[in-house]
Amino acid sequence: MSDPDLHVVEQIDGAKGRYTIRTGEGAAEMTFSIASPVLRIVDHTQVPRSLQGRGVGRALFRHLVTQARAEGFRVVPLCPFVSAQLSRHIEDADLFQI
């Protein structure tokens, strides 16, 4: 399974949102709060054991980065997974508020 094979769905309900990837083996999600039009706080990423190690979490992170660049918001990474991905992808550091 590669990133292009994974379809991310964005759901926003008021000041809360999530990115979700569903496969036949389960669903992974990244949740966030919209603090302002220019700031999102990512608080959790959950990838079921059946999908771990297959790039699903990375696909959620890449979607977050792509959306932040396209929509002009910055990200506060409270989620340990997002913080770890940021340390591996310092080229995206300009999008994060630490």
Protein backbone atom coordinates (compact mmCIF):
# COMPACT_ATOMS: atom_id res chain seq x y z
CA MET A 1 0.00 0.00 0.00
CA SER A 2 1.49 3.36 -0.99
CA ASP A 3 0.50 6.96 -0.37
CA PRO A 4 -1.25 7.40 -3.77
CA ASP A 5 -3.45 4.39 -2.97
CA LEU A 6 -4.69 6.02 0.24
CA HIS A 7 -7.66 8.39 0.08
CA VAL A 8 -7.87 10.93 2.91
CA VAL A 9 -11.30 12.28 3.88
CA GLU A 10 -11.49 15.56 5.79
CA GLN A 11 -14.37 16.16 8.21
CA ILE A 12 -14.87 19.45 10.03
CA ASP A 13 -17.57 20.09 12.63
CA GLY A 14 -17.29 23.58 14.07
CA ALA A 15 -13.87 23.96 15.69
CA LYS A 16 -13.03 20.23 15.53
CA GLY A 17 -11.82 18.20 12.60
CA ARG A 18 -10.29 14.95 11.48
CA TYR A 19 -8.52 13.39 8.54
CA THR A 20 -9.51 9.76 7.99
CA ILE A 21 -8.20 6.95 5.80
CA ARG A 22 -10.43 3.88 5.50
CA THR A 23 -9.31 0.58 4.04
CA GLY A 24 -10.71 -2.92 4.13
CA GLU A 25 -8.46 -3.50 7.14
CA GLY A 26 -9.60 -0.58 9.29
CA ALA A 27 -9.59 3.19 9.62
CA ALA A 28 -6.82 5.56 10.67
CA GLU A 29 -7.38 9.14 11.74
CA MET A 30 -5.69 12.35 12.77
CA THR A 31 -7.73 14.75 14.91
CA PHE A 32 -7.31 18.48 15.30
CA SER A 33 -8.86 21.64 16.68
CA ILE A 34 -9.21 24.81 14.64
CA ALA A 35 -7.91 27.52 16.95
CA SER A 36 -8.25 30.22 14.28
CA PRO A 37 -8.38 30.43 10.48
CA VAL A 38 -4.57 30.33 10.48
CA LEU A 39 -3.89 27.80 13.26
CA ARG A 40 -4.75 24.11 13.77
CA ILE A 41 -3.78 22.08 16.82
CA VAL A 42 -3.20 18.41 16.00
CA ASP A 43 -3.80 16.37 19.14
CA HIS A 44 -3.99 12.71 18.10
CA THR A 45 -3.14 10.22 15.37
CA GLN A 46 -4.51 6.67 15.55
CA VAL A 47 -3.48 3.90 13.18
CA PRO A 48 -4.85 0.42 13.90
CA ARG A 49 -2.31 -2.35 14.32
CA SER A 50 -3.47 -3.94 11.05
CA LEU A 51 -2.32 -0.83 9.13
CA GLN A 52 0.85 0.04 11.03
CA GLY A 53 4.08 0.07 9.05
CA ARG A 54 2.27 0.55 5.75
CA GLY A 55 2.57 4.32 5.31
CA VAL A 56 -0.92 5.19 6.51
CA GLY A 57 0.23 7.52 9.29
CA ARG A 58 2.72 9.11 6.93
CA ALA A 59 -0.09 9.68 4.41
CA LEU A 60 -2.12 11.50 7.08
CA PHE A 61 0.92 13.66 7.92
CA ARG A 62 1.55 14.45 4.22
CA HIS A 63 -2.11 15.41 3.83
CA LEU A 64 -1.84 17.75 6.83
CA VAL A 65 1.24 19.40 5.34
CA THR A 66 -0.37 19.72 1.90
CA GLN A 67 -3.51 21.27 3.38
CA ALA A 68 -1.50 23.67 5.56
CA ARG A 69 0.43 24.92 2.53
CA ALA A 70 -2.67 25.19 0.34
CA GLU A 71 -4.88 26.89 2.94
CA GLY A 72 -2.21 28.97 4.68
CA PHE A 73 -2.54 27.70 8.23
CA ARG A 74 0.14 26.71 10.74
CA VAL A 75 0.11 23.63 12.95
CA VAL A 76 0.73 23.13 16.67
CA PRO A 77 1.87 19.48 16.96
CA LEU A 78 0.60 18.19 20.31
CA CYS A 79 0.44 14.68 18.86
CA PRO A 80 3.67 12.70 19.42
CA PHE A 81 3.40 11.07 15.99
CA VAL A 82 3.19 14.44 14.22
CA SER A 83 6.14 15.72 16.27
CA ALA A 84 8.15 12.64 15.28
CA GLN A 85 7.27 13.09 11.60
CA LEU A 86 8.27 16.74 11.80
CA SER A 87 11.70 15.76 13.15
CA ARG A 88 12.11 13.51 10.08
CA HIS A 89 10.83 16.13 7.63
CA ILE A 90 12.45 19.38 8.70
CA GLU A 91 11.70 20.81 5.25
CA ASP A 92 8.15 21.29 6.55
CA ALA A 93 9.17 23.10 9.76
CA ASP A 94 7.95 26.46 8.44
CA LEU A 95 4.37 25.21 8.80
CA PHE A 96 4.68 24.33 12.47
CA GLN A 97 4.43 26.46 15.57
CA ILE A 98 6.34 24.83 18.39
